[in-house]
Amino acid sequence: MPEPENTAADAPEPGDKVMVQFRYVGEAVPDRAGVAALFAIPLELIDPDFGVIVTDEAERLACVLVPRDWAARIDARLAGAEGPVGVFANPRIAPLGPPGAGEEGEGGA
């Protein structure tokens, strides 16, 4: 079986980047350039591999990843916004390894 292209080892270190969820205006989801303009930040700060991800189409919510040191600037631009918007942690998610033999749920008694 081929190895996956992206693995947990490829992910940024925890704390390097944060997720920003925001509400977009209009029907079209903004691209990275549109989000950079929205937050008045350089385009290269928005993670190109992550891109712009729609998290709730009905509520027009999307998110991007940006460097942690830009979070305060972005959070200030979201001040007063309604709903689940803002800057959120982006911890690494990775498997801890296979369960040990004989553990509950492994077919043991």
PDB file of N, CA and C in Angstrom:
ATOM      1  N   MET A   1       0.850  -1.175   0.000  1.00  0.00           N
ATOM      2  CA  MET A   1       0.000   0.000   0.000  1.00  0.00           C
ATOM      3  C   MET A   1       0.897   1.241   0.000  1.00  0.00           C
ATOM      4  N   PRO A   2       0.656   2.212  -0.879  1.00  0.00           N
ATOM      5  CA  PRO A   2       1.520   3.397  -0.935  1.00  0.00           C
ATOM      6  C   PRO A   2       1.361   4.264   0.298  1.00  0.00           C
ATOM      7  N   GLU A   3       2.453   4.941   0.656  1.00  0.00           N
ATOM      8  CA  GLU A   3       2.433   5.863   1.790  1.00  0.00           C
ATOM      9  C   GLU A   3       1.576   7.076   1.455  1.00  0.00           C
ATOM     10  N   PRO A   4       0.844   7.633   2.415  1.00  0.00           N
ATOM     11  CA  PRO A   4       0.077   8.846   2.151  1.00  0.00           C
ATOM     12  C   PRO A   4       1.032   9.999   1.874  1.00  0.00           C
ATOM     13  N   GLU A   5       0.573  10.941   1.039  1.00  0.00           N
ATOM     14  CA  GLU A   5       1.407  12.088   0.701  1.00  0.00           C
ATOM     15  C   GLU A   5       1.731  12.920   1.926  1.00  0.00           C
ATOM     16  N   ASN A   6       0.735  13.209   2.745  1.00  0.00           N
ATOM     17  CA  ASN A   6       0.928  14.035   3.923  1.00  0.00           C
ATOM     18  C   ASN A   6       0.798  13.175   5.159  1.00  0.00           C
ATOM     19  N   THR A   7       1.746  13.291   6.039  1.00  0.00           N
ATOM     20  CA  THR A   7       1.697  12.543   7.288  1.00  0.00           C
ATOM     21  C   THR A   7       1.785  13.520   8.445  1.00  0.00           C
ATOM     22  N   ALA A   8       1.598  13.017   9.639  1.00  0.00           N
ATOM     23  CA  ALA A   8       1.687  13.879  10.814  1.00  0.00           C
ATOM     24  C   ALA A   8       3.062  14.527  10.900  1.00  0.00           C
ATOM     25  N   ALA A   9       4.092  13.835  10.405  1.00  0.00           N
ATOM     26  CA  ALA A   9       5.443  14.401  10.444  1.00  0.00           C
ATOM     27  C   ALA A   9       5.557  15.632   9.541  1.00  0.00           C
ATOM     28  N   ASP A  10       4.702  15.739   8.517  1.00  0.00           N
ATOM     29  CA  ASP A  10       4.721  16.876   7.610  1.00  0.00           C
ATOM     30  C   ASP A  10       3.987  18.083   8.178  1.00  0.00           C
ATOM     31  N   ALA A  11       3.166  17.852   9.176  1.00  0.00           N
ATOM     32  CA  ALA A  11       2.340  18.927   9.731  1.00  0.00           C
ATOM     33  C   ALA A  11       3.215  19.937  10.457  1.00  0.00           C
ATOM     34  N   PRO A  12       2.764  21.200  10.486  1.00  0.00           N
ATOM     35  CA  PRO A  12       3.529  22.174  11.253  1.00  0.00           C
ATOM     36  C   PRO A  12       3.551  21.782  12.722  1.00  0.00           C
ATOM     37  N   GLU A  13       4.591  22.184  13.399  1.00  0.00           N
ATOM     38  CA  GLU A  13       4.665  21.911  14.828  1.00  0.00           C
ATOM     39  C   GLU A  13       3.469  22.550  15.519  1.00  0.00           C
ATOM     40  N   PRO A  14       2.918  21.904  16.548  1.00  0.00           N
ATOM     41  CA  PRO A  14       1.820  22.526  17.279  1.00  0.00           C
ATOM     42  C   PRO A  14       2.254  23.909  17.754  1.00  0.00           C
ATOM     43  N   GLY A  15       1.409  24.851  17.582  1.00  0.00           N
ATOM     44  CA  GLY A  15       1.723  26.203  17.998  1.00  0.00           C
ATOM     45  C   GLY A  15       2.261  27.070  16.880  1.00  0.00           C
ATOM     46  N   ASP A  16       2.723  26.470  15.774  1.00  0.00           N
ATOM     47  CA  ASP A  16       3.239  27.254  14.658  1.00  0.00           C
ATOM     48  C   ASP A  16       2.136  28.038  13.954  1.00  0.00           C
ATOM     49  N   LYS A  17       0.997  27.395  13.775  1.00  0.00           N
ATOM     50  CA  LYS A  17      -0.108  28.017  13.051  1.00  0.00           C
ATOM     51  C   LYS A  17      -1.398  27.876  13.848  1.00  0.00           C
ATOM     52  N   VAL A  18      -2.295  28.801  13.610  1.00  0.00           N
ATOM     53  CA  VAL A  18      -3.612  28.756  14.232  1.00  0.00           C
ATOM     54  C   VAL A  18      -4.669  28.782  13.145  1.00  0.00           C
ATOM     55  N   MET A  19      -5.845  28.294  13.478  1.00  0.00           N
ATOM     56  CA  MET A  19      -6.955  28.301  12.541  1.00  0.00           C
ATOM     57  C   MET A  19      -7.808  29.541  12.803  1.00  0.00           C
ATOM     58  N   VAL A  20      -8.170  30.212  11.736  1.00  0.00           N
ATOM     59  CA  VAL A  20      -9.036  31.378  11.825  1.00  0.00           C
ATOM     60  C   VAL A  20     -10.334  31.035  11.109  1.00  0.00           C
ATOM     61  N   GLN A  21     -11.438  31.069  11.840  1.00  0.00           N
ATOM     62  CA  GLN A  21     -12.744  30.864  11.223  1.00  0.00           C
ATOM     63  C   GLN A  21     -13.421  32.214  11.102  1.00  0.00           C
ATOM     64  N   PHE A  22     -13.979  32.477   9.943  1.00  0.00           N
ATOM     65  CA  PHE A  22     -14.588  33.774   9.668  1.00  0.00           C
ATOM     66  C   PHE A  22     -15.847  33.586   8.827  1.00  0.00           C
ATOM     67  N   ARG A  23     -16.675  34.615   8.807  1.00  0.00           N
ATOM     68  CA  ARG A  23     -17.887  34.610   8.000  1.00  0.00           C
ATOM     69  C   ARG A  23     -17.600  35.414   6.736  1.00  0.00           C
ATOM     70  N   TYR A  24     -17.847  34.802   5.582  1.00  0.00           N
ATOM     71  CA  TYR A  24     -17.621  35.509   4.327  1.00  0.00           C
ATOM     72  C   TYR A  24     -18.916  36.123   3.821  1.00  0.00           C
ATOM     73  N   VAL A  25     -18.784  37.147   3.010  1.00  0.00           N
ATOM     74  CA  VAL A  25     -19.934  37.876   2.480  1.00  0.00           C
ATOM     75  C   VAL A  25     -20.165  37.442   1.034  1.00  0.00           C
ATOM     76  N   GLY A  26     -21.419  37.269   0.671  1.00  0.00           N
ATOM     77  CA  GLY A  26     -21.748  36.878  -0.696  1.00  0.00           C
ATOM     78  C   GLY A  26     -21.831  35.378  -0.849  1.00  0.00           C
ATOM     79  N   GLU A  27     -22.127  34.956  -2.059  1.00  0.00           N
ATOM     80  CA  GLU A  27     -22.292  33.527  -2.343  1.00  0.00           C
ATOM     81  C   GLU A  27     -20.960  32.818  -2.556  1.00  0.00           C
ATOM     82  N   ALA A  28     -20.001  33.523  -3.133  1.00  0.00           N
ATOM     83  CA  ALA A  28     -18.729  32.893  -3.471  1.00  0.00           C
ATOM     84  C   ALA A  28     -17.790  32.866  -2.268  1.00  0.00           C
ATOM     85  N   VAL A  29     -17.137  31.731  -2.090  1.00  0.00           N
ATOM     86  CA  VAL A  29     -16.136  31.605  -1.042  1.00  0.00           C
ATOM     87  C   VAL A  29     -14.887  32.365  -1.511  1.00  0.00           C
ATOM     88  N   PRO A  30     -14.323  33.213  -0.663  1.00  0.00           N
ATOM     89  CA  PRO A  30     -13.131  33.942  -1.105  1.00  0.00           C
ATOM     90  C   PRO A  30     -11.945  33.004  -1.283  1.00  0.00           C
ATOM     91  N   ASP A  31     -11.060  33.355  -2.192  1.00  0.00           N
ATOM     92  CA  ASP A  31      -9.816  32.604  -2.317  1.00  0.00           C
ATOM     93  C   ASP A  31      -8.809  33.164  -1.311  1.00  0.00           C
ATOM     94  N   ARG A  32      -7.609  32.631  -1.327  1.00  0.00           N
ATOM     95  CA  ARG A  32      -6.601  33.091  -0.366  1.00  0.00           C
ATOM     96  C   ARG A  32      -6.350  34.587  -0.489  1.00  0.00           C
ATOM     97  N   ALA A  33      -6.321  35.101  -1.713  1.00  0.00           N
ATOM     98  CA  ALA A  33      -6.094  36.535  -1.910  1.00  0.00           C
ATOM     99  C   ALA A  33      -7.232  37.351  -1.300  1.00  0.00           C
ATOM    100  N   GLY A  34      -8.451  36.866  -1.432  1.00  0.00           N
ATOM    101  CA  GLY A  34      -9.602  37.556  -0.853  1.00  0.00           C
ATOM    102  C   GLY A  34      -9.550  37.568   0.663  1.00  0.00           C
ATOM    103  N   VAL A  35      -9.105  36.466   1.249  1.00  0.00           N
ATOM    104  CA  VAL A  35      -8.989  36.390   2.708  1.00  0.00           C
ATOM    105  C   VAL A  35      -7.858  37.310   3.181  1.00  0.00           C
ATOM    106  N   ALA A  36      -6.750  37.332   2.445  1.00  0.00           N
ATOM    107  CA  ALA A  36      -5.638  38.219   2.807  1.00  0.00           C
ATOM    108  C   ALA A  36      -6.114  39.672   2.792  1.00  0.00           C
ATOM    109  N   ALA A  37      -6.912  40.030   1.810  1.00  0.00           N
ATOM    110  CA  ALA A  37      -7.445  41.394   1.742  1.00  0.00           C
ATOM    111  C   ALA A  37      -8.412  41.649   2.900  1.00  0.00           C
ATOM    112  N   LEU A  38      -9.248  40.668   3.212  1.00  0.00           N
ATOM    113  CA  LEU A  38     -10.213  40.807   4.302  1.00  0.00           C
ATOM    114  C   LEU A  38      -9.524  41.124   5.626  1.00  0.00           C
ATOM    115  N   PHE A  39      -8.419  40.438   5.896  1.00  0.00           N
ATOM    116  CA  PHE A  39      -7.708  40.623   7.157  1.00  0.00           C
ATOM    117  C   PHE A  39      -6.533  41.601   7.054  1.00  0.00           C
ATOM    118  N   ALA A  40      -6.300  42.131   5.861  1.00  0.00           N
ATOM    119  CA  ALA A  40      -5.193  43.066   5.626  1.00  0.00           C
ATOM    120  C   ALA A  40      -3.853  42.464   6.044  1.00  0.00           C
ATOM    121  N   ILE A  41      -3.606  41.227   5.574  1.00  0.00           N
ATOM    122  CA  ILE A  41      -2.342  40.548   5.857  1.00  0.00           C
ATOM    123  C   ILE A  41      -1.723  40.114   4.526  1.00  0.00           C
ATOM    124  N   PRO A  42      -0.429  39.865   4.495  1.00  0.00           N
ATOM    125  CA  PRO A  42       0.206  39.386   3.264  1.00  0.00           C
ATOM    126  C   PRO A  42      -0.329  38.013   2.849  1.00  0.00           C
ATOM    127  N   LEU A  43      -0.519  37.824   1.569  1.00  0.00           N
ATOM    128  CA  LEU A  43      -1.046  36.577   1.020  1.00  0.00           C
ATOM    129  C   LEU A  43      -0.227  35.369   1.464  1.00  0.00           C
ATOM    130  N   GLU A  44       1.091  35.503   1.493  1.00  0.00           N
ATOM    131  CA  GLU A  44       1.940  34.354   1.814  1.00  0.00           C
ATOM    132  C   GLU A  44       1.765  33.854   3.247  1.00  0.00           C
ATOM    133  N   LEU A  45       1.074  34.606   4.096  1.00  0.00           N
ATOM    134  CA  LEU A  45       0.828  34.150   5.464  1.00  0.00           C
ATOM    135  C   LEU A  45      -0.280  33.110   5.542  1.00  0.00           C
ATOM    136  N   ILE A  46      -1.121  33.038   4.523  1.00  0.00           N
ATOM    137  CA  ILE A  46      -2.220  32.067   4.521  1.00  0.00           C
ATOM    138  C   ILE A  46      -1.700  30.763   3.937  1.00  0.00           C
ATOM    139  N   ASP A  47      -1.750  29.712   4.741  1.00  0.00           N
ATOM    140  CA  ASP A  47      -1.190  28.416   4.354  1.00  0.00           C
ATOM    141  C   ASP A  47      -1.757  27.947   3.013  1.00  0.00           C
ATOM    142  N   PRO A  48      -0.911  27.821   1.981  1.00  0.00           N
ATOM    143  CA  PRO A  48      -1.406  27.428   0.659  1.00  0.00           C
ATOM    144  C   PRO A  48      -1.834  25.964   0.585  1.00  0.00           C
ATOM    145  N   ASP A  49      -1.240  25.101   1.408  1.00  0.00           N
ATOM    146  CA  ASP A  49      -1.627  23.689   1.397  1.00  0.00           C
ATOM    147  C   ASP A  49      -2.991  23.481   2.028  1.00  0.00           C
ATOM    148  N   PHE A  50      -3.305  24.256   3.035  1.00  0.00           N
ATOM    149  CA  PHE A  50      -4.606  24.167   3.705  1.00  0.00           C
ATOM    150  C   PHE A  50      -5.666  24.882   2.876  1.00  0.00           C
ATOM    151  N   GLY A  51      -5.314  26.052   2.330  1.00  0.00           N
ATOM    152  CA  GLY A  51      -6.242  26.821   1.507  1.00  0.00           C
ATOM    153  C   GLY A  51      -7.348  27.450   2.334  1.00  0.00           C
ATOM    154  N   VAL A  52      -8.481  27.655   1.690  1.00  0.00           N
ATOM    155  CA  VAL A  52      -9.677  28.194   2.342  1.00  0.00           C
ATOM    156  C   VAL A  52     -10.686  27.055   2.401  1.00  0.00           C
ATOM    157  N   ILE A  53     -11.062  26.654   3.595  1.00  0.00           N
ATOM    158  CA  ILE A  53     -11.974  25.526   3.795  1.00  0.00           C
ATOM    159  C   ILE A  53     -13.312  26.039   4.301  1.00  0.00           C
ATOM    160  N   VAL A  54     -14.382  25.679   3.607  1.00  0.00           N
ATOM    161  CA  VAL A  54     -15.727  26.035   4.063  1.00  0.00           C
ATOM    162  C   VAL A  54     -16.091  25.084   5.191  1.00  0.00           C
ATOM    163  N   THR A  55     -16.447  25.644   6.338  1.00  0.00           N
ATOM    164  CA  THR A  55     -16.828  24.824   7.486  1.00  0.00           C
ATOM    165  C   THR A  55     -18.336  24.758   7.670  1.00  0.00           C
ATOM    166  N   ASP A  56     -19.068  25.734   7.157  1.00  0.00           N
ATOM    167  CA  ASP A  56     -20.530  25.730   7.221  1.00  0.00           C
ATOM    168  C   ASP A  56     -21.057  26.608   6.089  1.00  0.00           C
ATOM    169  N   GLU A  57     -21.460  25.956   5.012  1.00  0.00           N
ATOM    170  CA  GLU A  57     -21.910  26.690   3.823  1.00  0.00           C
ATOM    171  C   GLU A  57     -23.156  27.519   4.107  1.00  0.00           C
ATOM    172  N   ALA A  58     -24.106  26.964   4.864  1.00  0.00           N
ATOM    173  CA  ALA A  58     -25.345  27.682   5.158  1.00  0.00           C
ATOM    174  C   ALA A  58     -25.087  28.953   5.960  1.00  0.00           C
ATOM    175  N   GLU A  59     -24.123  28.907   6.868  1.00  0.00           N
ATOM    176  CA  GLU A  59     -23.781  30.066   7.705  1.00  0.00           C
ATOM    177  C   GLU A  59     -22.679  30.923   7.086  1.00  0.00           C
ATOM    178  N   ARG A  60     -22.173  30.492   5.933  1.00  0.00           N
ATOM    179  CA  ARG A  60     -21.072  31.179   5.235  1.00  0.00           C
ATOM    180  C   ARG A  60     -19.836  31.304   6.125  1.00  0.00           C
ATOM    181  N   LEU A  61     -19.438  30.188   6.695  1.00  0.00           N
ATOM    182  CA  LEU A  61     -18.243  30.149   7.537  1.00  0.00           C
ATOM    183  C   LEU A  61     -17.133  29.406   6.807  1.00  0.00           C
ATOM    184  N   ALA A  62     -15.936  29.927   6.911  1.00  0.00           N
ATOM    185  CA  ALA A  62     -14.767  29.287   6.312  1.00  0.00           C
ATOM    186  C   ALA A  62     -13.590  29.479   7.252  1.00  0.00           C
ATOM    187  N   CYS A  63     -12.505  28.736   7.003  1.00  0.00           N
ATOM    188  CA  CYS A  63     -11.331  28.891   7.839  1.00  0.00           C
ATOM    189  C   CYS A  63     -10.051  28.784   7.013  1.00  0.00           C
ATOM    190  N   VAL A  64      -8.992  29.340   7.570  1.00  0.00           N
ATOM    191  CA  VAL A  64      -7.653  29.304   6.991  1.00  0.00           C
ATOM    192  C   VAL A  64      -6.660  29.071   8.129  1.00  0.00           C
ATOM    193  N   LEU A  65      -5.436  28.715   7.772  1.00  0.00           N
ATOM    194  CA  LEU A  65      -4.360  28.610   8.750  1.00  0.00           C
ATOM    195  C   LEU A  65      -3.396  29.769   8.533  1.00  0.00           C
ATOM    196  N   VAL A  66      -2.996  30.400   9.636  1.00  0.00           N
ATOM    197  CA  VAL A  66      -2.043  31.514   9.580  1.00  0.00           C
ATOM    198  C   VAL A  66      -1.028  31.355  10.716  1.00  0.00           C
ATOM    199  N   PRO A  67       0.127  31.998  10.606  1.00  0.00           N
ATOM    200  CA  PRO A  67       1.102  31.933  11.692  1.00  0.00           C
ATOM    201  C   PRO A  67       0.521  32.484  12.996  1.00  0.00           C
ATOM    202  N   ARG A  68       0.868  31.831  14.091  1.00  0.00           N
ATOM    203  CA  ARG A  68       0.358  32.205  15.409  1.00  0.00           C
ATOM    204  C   ARG A  68       0.628  33.676  15.725  1.00  0.00           C
ATOM    205  N   ASP A  69       1.780  34.207  15.309  1.00  0.00           N
ATOM    206  CA  ASP A  69       2.113  35.580  15.676  1.00  0.00           C
ATOM    207  C   ASP A  69       1.247  36.624  14.975  1.00  0.00           C
ATOM    208  N   TRP A  70       0.418  36.219  14.034  1.00  0.00           N
ATOM    209  CA  TRP A  70      -0.523  37.139  13.383  1.00  0.00           C
ATOM    210  C   TRP A  70      -1.927  37.020  13.965  1.00  0.00           C
ATOM    211  N   ALA A  71      -2.142  36.111  14.900  1.00  0.00           N
ATOM    212  CA  ALA A  71      -3.476  35.847  15.443  1.00  0.00           C
ATOM    213  C   ALA A  71      -4.110  37.068  16.094  1.00  0.00           C
ATOM    214  N   ALA A  72      -3.354  37.811  16.874  1.00  0.00           N
ATOM    215  CA  ALA A  72      -3.920  38.971  17.576  1.00  0.00           C
ATOM    216  C   ALA A  72      -4.428  40.020  16.588  1.00  0.00           C
ATOM    217  N   ARG A  73      -3.677  40.234  15.525  1.00  0.00           N
ATOM    218  CA  ARG A  73      -4.088  41.220  14.518  1.00  0.00           C
ATOM    219  C   ARG A  73      -5.400  40.792  13.841  1.00  0.00           C
ATOM    220  N   ILE A  74      -5.490  39.514  13.518  1.00  0.00           N
ATOM    221  CA  ILE A  74      -6.695  38.998  12.860  1.00  0.00           C
ATOM    222  C   ILE A  74      -7.859  38.989  13.838  1.00  0.00           C
ATOM    223  N   ASP A  75      -7.606  38.556  15.064  1.00  0.00           N
ATOM    224  CA  ASP A  75      -8.667  38.498  16.070  1.00  0.00           C
ATOM    225  C   ASP A  75      -9.270  39.883  16.306  1.00  0.00           C
ATOM    226  N   ALA A  76      -8.448  40.907  16.270  1.00  0.00           N
ATOM    227  CA  ALA A  76      -8.941  42.275  16.455  1.00  0.00           C
ATOM    228  C   ALA A  76      -9.897  42.668  15.334  1.00  0.00           C
ATOM    229  N   ARG A  77      -9.641  42.191  14.118  1.00  0.00           N
ATOM    230  CA  ARG A  77     -10.516  42.513  12.986  1.00  0.00           C
ATOM    231  C   ARG A  77     -11.845  41.760  13.084  1.00  0.00           C
ATOM    232  N   LEU A  78     -11.859  40.675  13.862  1.00  0.00           N
ATOM    233  CA  LEU A  78     -13.087  39.893  14.035  1.00  0.00           C
ATOM    234  C   LEU A  78     -13.877  40.332  15.268  1.00  0.00           C
ATOM    235  N   ALA A  79     -13.337  41.257  16.033  1.00  0.00           N
ATOM    236  CA  ALA A  79     -13.996  41.717  17.265  1.00  0.00           C
ATOM    237  C   ALA A  79     -15.405  42.206  16.950  1.00  0.00           C
ATOM    238  N   GLY A  80     -16.349  41.753  17.724  1.00  0.00           N
ATOM    239  CA  GLY A  80     -17.732  42.159  17.547  1.00  0.00           C
ATOM    240  C   GLY A  80     -18.503  41.317  16.548  1.00  0.00           C
ATOM    241  N   ALA A  81     -17.824  40.420  15.854  1.00  0.00           N
ATOM    242  CA  ALA A  81     -18.514  39.556  14.881  1.00  0.00           C
ATOM    243  C   ALA A  81     -19.363  38.536  15.637  1.00  0.00           C
ATOM    244  N   GLU A  82     -20.504  38.224  15.076  1.00  0.00           N
ATOM    245  CA  GLU A  82     -21.399  37.248  15.704  1.00  0.00           C
ATOM    246  C   GLU A  82     -21.077  35.844  15.226  1.00  0.00           C
ATOM    247  N   GLY A  83     -21.363  34.901  16.074  1.00  0.00           N
ATOM    248  CA  GLY A  83     -21.240  33.507  15.685  1.00  0.00           C
ATOM    249  C   GLY A  83     -19.890  32.911  16.036  1.00  0.00           C
ATOM    250  N   PRO A  84     -19.688  31.696  15.573  1.00  0.00           N
ATOM    251  CA  PRO A  84     -18.469  30.964  15.914  1.00  0.00           C
ATOM    252  C   PRO A  84     -17.287  31.390  15.040  1.00  0.00           C
ATOM    253  N   VAL A  85     -16.840  32.612  15.206  1.00  0.00           N
ATOM    254  CA  VAL A  85     -15.705  33.105  14.437  1.00  0.00           C
ATOM    255  C   VAL A  85     -14.577  33.467  15.393  1.00  0.00           C
ATOM    256  N   GLY A  86     -13.367  33.451  14.893  1.00  0.00           N
ATOM    257  CA  GLY A  86     -12.237  33.830  15.718  1.00  0.00           C
ATOM    258  C   GLY A  86     -11.030  32.964  15.442  1.00  0.00           C
ATOM    259  N   VAL A  87     -10.069  33.065  16.330  1.00  0.00           N
ATOM    260  CA  VAL A  87      -8.815  32.340  16.219  1.00  0.00           C
ATOM    261  C   VAL A  87      -8.873  31.131  17.145  1.00  0.00           C
ATOM    262  N   PHE A  88      -8.513  29.971  16.607  1.00  0.00           N
ATOM    263  CA  PHE A  88      -8.573  28.721  17.357  1.00  0.00           C
ATOM    264  C   PHE A  88      -7.238  28.002  17.280  1.00  0.00           C
ATOM    265  N   ALA A  89      -6.918  27.240  18.302  1.00  0.00           N
ATOM    266  CA  ALA A  89      -5.690  26.440  18.309  1.00  0.00           C
ATOM    267  C   ALA A  89      -5.750  25.415  17.184  1.00  0.00           C
ATOM    268  N   ASN A  90      -4.598  24.960  16.771  1.00  0.00           N
ATOM    269  CA  ASN A  90      -4.508  23.958  15.716  1.00  0.00           C
ATOM    270  C   ASN A  90      -3.546  22.855  16.161  1.00  0.00           C
ATOM    271  N   PRO A  91      -3.957  22.069  17.155  1.00  0.00           N
ATOM    272  CA  PRO A  91      -3.043  21.029  17.645  1.00  0.00           C
ATOM    273  C   PRO A  91      -2.840  19.931  16.605  1.00  0.00           C
ATOM    274  N   ARG A  92      -1.677  19.305  16.669  1.00  0.00           N
ATOM    275  CA  ARG A  92      -1.394  18.192  15.769  1.00  0.00           C
ATOM    276  C   ARG A  92      -2.310  17.026  16.134  1.00  0.00           C
ATOM    277  N   ILE A  93      -2.867  16.392  15.143  1.00  0.00           N
ATOM    278  CA  ILE A  93      -3.706  15.217  15.351  1.00  0.00           C
ATOM    279  C   ILE A  93      -2.990  14.060  14.669  1.00  0.00           C
ATOM    280  N   ALA A  94      -2.645  13.070  15.442  1.00  0.00           N
ATOM    281  CA  ALA A  94      -1.928  11.926  14.893  1.00  0.00           C
ATOM    282  C   ALA A  94      -2.295  10.686  15.703  1.00  0.00           C
ATOM    283  N   PRO A  95      -2.214   9.535  15.062  1.00  0.00           N
ATOM    284  CA  PRO A  95      -2.499   8.311  15.813  1.00  0.00           C
ATOM    285  C   PRO A  95      -1.440   8.076  16.875  1.00  0.00           C
ATOM    286  N   LEU A  96      -1.862   7.420  17.947  1.00  0.00           N
ATOM    287  CA  LEU A  96      -0.944   7.108  19.030  1.00  0.00           C
ATOM    288  C   LEU A  96      -0.307   5.739  18.844  1.00  0.00           C
ATOM    289  N   GLY A  97      -0.726   5.034  17.828  1.00  0.00           N
ATOM    290  CA  GLY A  97      -0.207   3.693  17.581  1.00  0.00           C
ATOM    291  C   GLY A  97      -1.289   2.662  17.792  1.00  0.00           C
ATOM    292  N   PRO A  98      -1.015   1.451  17.391  1.00  0.00           N
ATOM    293  CA  PRO A  98      -2.029   0.404  17.529  1.00  0.00           C
ATOM    294  C   PRO A  98      -2.235   0.027  18.986  1.00  0.00           C
ATOM    295  N   PRO A  99      -3.475  -0.316  19.335  1.00  0.00           N
ATOM    296  CA  PRO A  99      -3.727  -0.760  20.710  1.00  0.00           C
ATOM    297  C   PRO A  99      -2.940  -2.033  20.997  1.00  0.00           C
ATOM    298  N   GLY A 100      -2.560  -2.215  22.239  1.00  0.00           N
ATOM    299  CA  GLY A 100      -1.811  -3.412  22.633  1.00  0.00           C
ATOM    300  C   GLY A 100      -2.686  -4.644  22.606  1.00  0.00           C
ATOM    301  N   ALA A 101      -2.096  -5.787  22.388  1.00  0.00           N
ATOM    302  CA  ALA A 101      -2.833  -7.049  22.352  1.00  0.00           C
ATOM    303  C   ALA A 101      -3.469  -7.301  23.713  1.00  0.00           C
ATOM    304  N   GLY A 102      -4.683  -7.771  23.683  1.00  0.00           N
ATOM    305  CA  GLY A 102      -5.371  -8.137  24.911  1.00  0.00           C
ATOM    306  C   GLY A 102      -6.127  -6.976  25.547  1.00  0.00           C
ATOM    307  N   GLU A 103      -6.023  -5.779  24.978  1.00  0.00           N
ATOM    308  CA  GLU A 103      -6.777  -4.654  25.538  1.00  0.00           C
ATOM    309  C   GLU A 103      -8.247  -4.832  25.192  1.00  0.00           C
ATOM    310  N   GLU A 104      -9.077  -4.190  25.981  1.00  0.00           N
ATOM    311  CA  GLU A 104     -10.517  -4.268  25.771  1.00  0.00           C
ATOM    312  C   GLU A 104     -10.852  -3.852  24.347  1.00  0.00           C
ATOM    313  N   GLY A 105     -11.716  -4.592  23.706  1.00  0.00           N
ATOM    314  CA  GLY A 105     -12.145  -4.280  22.345  1.00  0.00           C
ATOM    315  C   GLY A 105     -11.270  -4.923  21.291  1.00  0.00           C
ATOM    316  N   GLU A 106     -10.263  -5.672  21.690  1.00  0.00           N
ATOM    317  CA  GLU A 106      -9.366  -6.316  20.750  1.00  0.00           C
ATOM    318  C   GLU A 106      -9.682  -7.805  20.574  1.00  0.00           C
ATOM    319  N   GLY A 107     -10.874  -8.191  20.920  1.00  0.00           N
ATOM    320  CA  GLY A 107     -11.257  -9.587  20.745  1.00  0.00           C
ATOM    321  C   GLY A 107     -10.832 -10.469  21.901  1.00  0.00           C
ATOM    322  N   GLY A 108     -10.189  -9.866  22.899  1.00  0.00           N
ATOM    323  CA  GLY A 108      -9.799 -10.634  24.079  1.00  0.00           C
ATOM    324  C   GLY A 108     -10.976 -10.800  25.019  1.00  0.00           C
ATOM    325  N   ALA A 109     -10.810 -11.581  26.047  1.00  0.00           N
ATOM    326  CA  ALA A 109     -11.889 -11.836  26.986  1.00  0.00           C
ATOM    327  C   ALA A 109     -12.107 -10.702  27.918  1.00  0.00           C
TER     328      ALA A 109
END
